[in-house]
Amino acid sequence: MKYFIGIVILLFGIYIISDLALKTRYTRKRLSKRENKSRKF
């Protein structure tokens, strides 16, 4: 049971990191085209 919880947390962390990386990549592309002040987190 301990190992299962660890694996779930690990996968969740990887998912969050990849999701943030994709979001930053998209926002950078949009910012390079035109400045969007409403798109700041």
N, C-alpha and C. Protein backbone atom coordinates (compact mmCIF):
# COMPACT_ATOMS: atom_id res chain seq x y z
N MET A 1 0.84 -1.21 0.00
CA MET A 1 0.00 0.00 0.00
C MET A 1 0.88 1.26 0.00
N LYS A 2 1.96 1.23 0.75
CA LYS A 2 2.87 2.38 0.79
C LYS A 2 3.43 2.68 -0.60
N TYR A 3 3.84 1.62 -1.29
CA TYR A 3 4.42 1.78 -2.64
C TYR A 3 3.40 2.35 -3.61
N PHE A 4 2.16 1.89 -3.51
CA PHE A 4 1.09 2.37 -4.39
C PHE A 4 0.89 3.87 -4.24
N ILE A 5 0.82 4.33 -3.00
CA ILE A 5 0.63 5.77 -2.72
C ILE A 5 1.81 6.57 -3.27
N GLY A 6 3.02 6.05 -3.09
CA GLY A 6 4.22 6.72 -3.60
C GLY A 6 4.20 6.87 -5.10
N ILE A 7 3.79 5.79 -5.79
CA ILE A 7 3.74 5.81 -7.26
C ILE A 7 2.69 6.82 -7.73
N VAL A 8 1.55 6.86 -7.07
CA VAL A 8 0.48 7.81 -7.43
C VAL A 8 0.97 9.24 -7.29
N ILE A 9 1.64 9.54 -6.16
CA ILE A 9 2.17 10.89 -5.92
C ILE A 9 3.21 11.24 -6.97
N LEU A 10 4.08 10.29 -7.31
CA LEU A 10 5.13 10.50 -8.32
C LEU A 10 4.52 10.83 -9.67
N LEU A 11 3.55 10.03 -10.10
CA LEU A 11 2.88 10.25 -11.39
C LEU A 11 2.16 11.60 -11.41
N PHE A 12 1.50 11.94 -10.31
CA PHE A 12 0.78 13.20 -10.20
C PHE A 12 1.74 14.38 -10.32
N GLY A 13 2.90 14.26 -9.67
CA GLY A 13 3.92 15.30 -9.74
C GLY A 13 4.44 15.49 -11.15
N ILE A 14 4.71 14.38 -11.84
CA ILE A 14 5.19 14.44 -13.23
C ILE A 14 4.14 15.11 -14.11
N TYR A 15 2.86 14.75 -13.90
CA TYR A 15 1.77 15.33 -14.68
C TYR A 15 1.69 16.84 -14.48
N ILE A 16 1.80 17.30 -13.23
CA ILE A 16 1.73 18.73 -12.92
C ILE A 16 2.90 19.47 -13.58
N ILE A 17 4.11 18.90 -13.47
CA ILE A 17 5.31 19.54 -14.04
C ILE A 17 5.17 19.66 -15.55
N SER A 18 4.73 18.58 -16.21
CA SER A 18 4.59 18.60 -17.67
C SER A 18 3.49 19.58 -18.09
N ASP A 19 2.40 19.63 -17.32
CA ASP A 19 1.30 20.55 -17.61
C ASP A 19 1.76 22.00 -17.51
N LEU A 20 2.53 22.32 -16.47
CA LEU A 20 3.07 23.67 -16.30
C LEU A 20 4.02 24.02 -17.43
N ALA A 21 4.86 23.05 -17.83
CA ALA A 21 5.82 23.28 -18.91
C ALA A 21 5.08 23.59 -20.22
N LEU A 22 4.02 22.84 -20.50
CA LEU A 22 3.23 23.08 -21.72
C LEU A 22 2.55 24.44 -21.66
N LYS A 23 2.00 24.80 -20.51
CA LYS A 23 1.32 26.10 -20.36
C LYS A 23 2.28 27.25 -20.58
N THR A 24 3.48 27.16 -20.00
CA THR A 24 4.46 28.23 -20.16
C THR A 24 4.90 28.34 -21.61
N ARG A 25 5.02 27.20 -22.29
CA ARG A 25 5.41 27.20 -23.70
C ARG A 25 4.35 27.90 -24.54
N TYR A 26 3.08 27.59 -24.27
CA TYR A 26 1.98 28.22 -25.02
C TYR A 26 1.91 29.73 -24.75
N THR A 27 2.03 30.10 -23.48
CA THR A 27 1.93 31.52 -23.14
C THR A 27 3.10 32.29 -23.73
N ARG A 28 4.29 31.68 -23.77
CA ARG A 28 5.45 32.34 -24.38
C ARG A 28 5.21 32.59 -25.86
N LYS A 29 4.64 31.61 -26.55
CA LYS A 29 4.33 31.78 -27.99
C LYS A 29 3.33 32.92 -28.19
N ARG A 30 2.32 32.96 -27.34
CA ARG A 30 1.31 34.01 -27.44
C ARG A 30 1.89 35.38 -27.12
N LEU A 31 2.77 35.43 -26.10
CA LEU A 31 3.39 36.71 -25.71
C LEU A 31 4.33 37.22 -26.78
N SER A 32 5.01 36.30 -27.48
CA SER A 32 5.94 36.72 -28.54
C SER A 32 5.16 37.34 -29.70
N LYS A 33 3.94 36.85 -29.94
CA LYS A 33 3.12 37.41 -31.02
C LYS A 33 2.58 38.79 -30.64
N ARG A 34 1.98 38.86 -29.44
CA ARG A 34 1.45 40.13 -28.96
C ARG A 34 1.41 40.12 -27.44
N GLU A 35 1.59 41.26 -26.85
CA GLU A 35 1.61 41.34 -25.39
C GLU A 35 0.20 41.24 -24.83
N ASN A 36 0.02 40.23 -24.00
CA ASN A 36 -1.27 40.01 -23.34
C ASN A 36 -1.11 40.20 -21.84
N LYS A 37 -1.61 41.30 -21.33
CA LYS A 37 -1.46 41.56 -19.91
C LYS A 37 -2.46 40.79 -19.06
N SER A 38 -3.54 40.33 -19.68
CA SER A 38 -4.55 39.57 -18.94
C SER A 38 -4.10 38.12 -18.74
N ARG A 39 -3.07 37.68 -19.46
CA ARG A 39 -2.60 36.29 -19.39
C ARG A 39 -1.45 36.11 -18.41
N LYS A 40 -1.41 36.88 -17.34
CA LYS A 40 -0.35 36.71 -16.33
C LYS A 40 -0.89 35.99 -15.13
N PHE A 41 -0.14 35.01 -14.66
CA PHE A 41 -0.61 34.19 -13.54
C PHE A 41 -0.09 34.73 -12.22
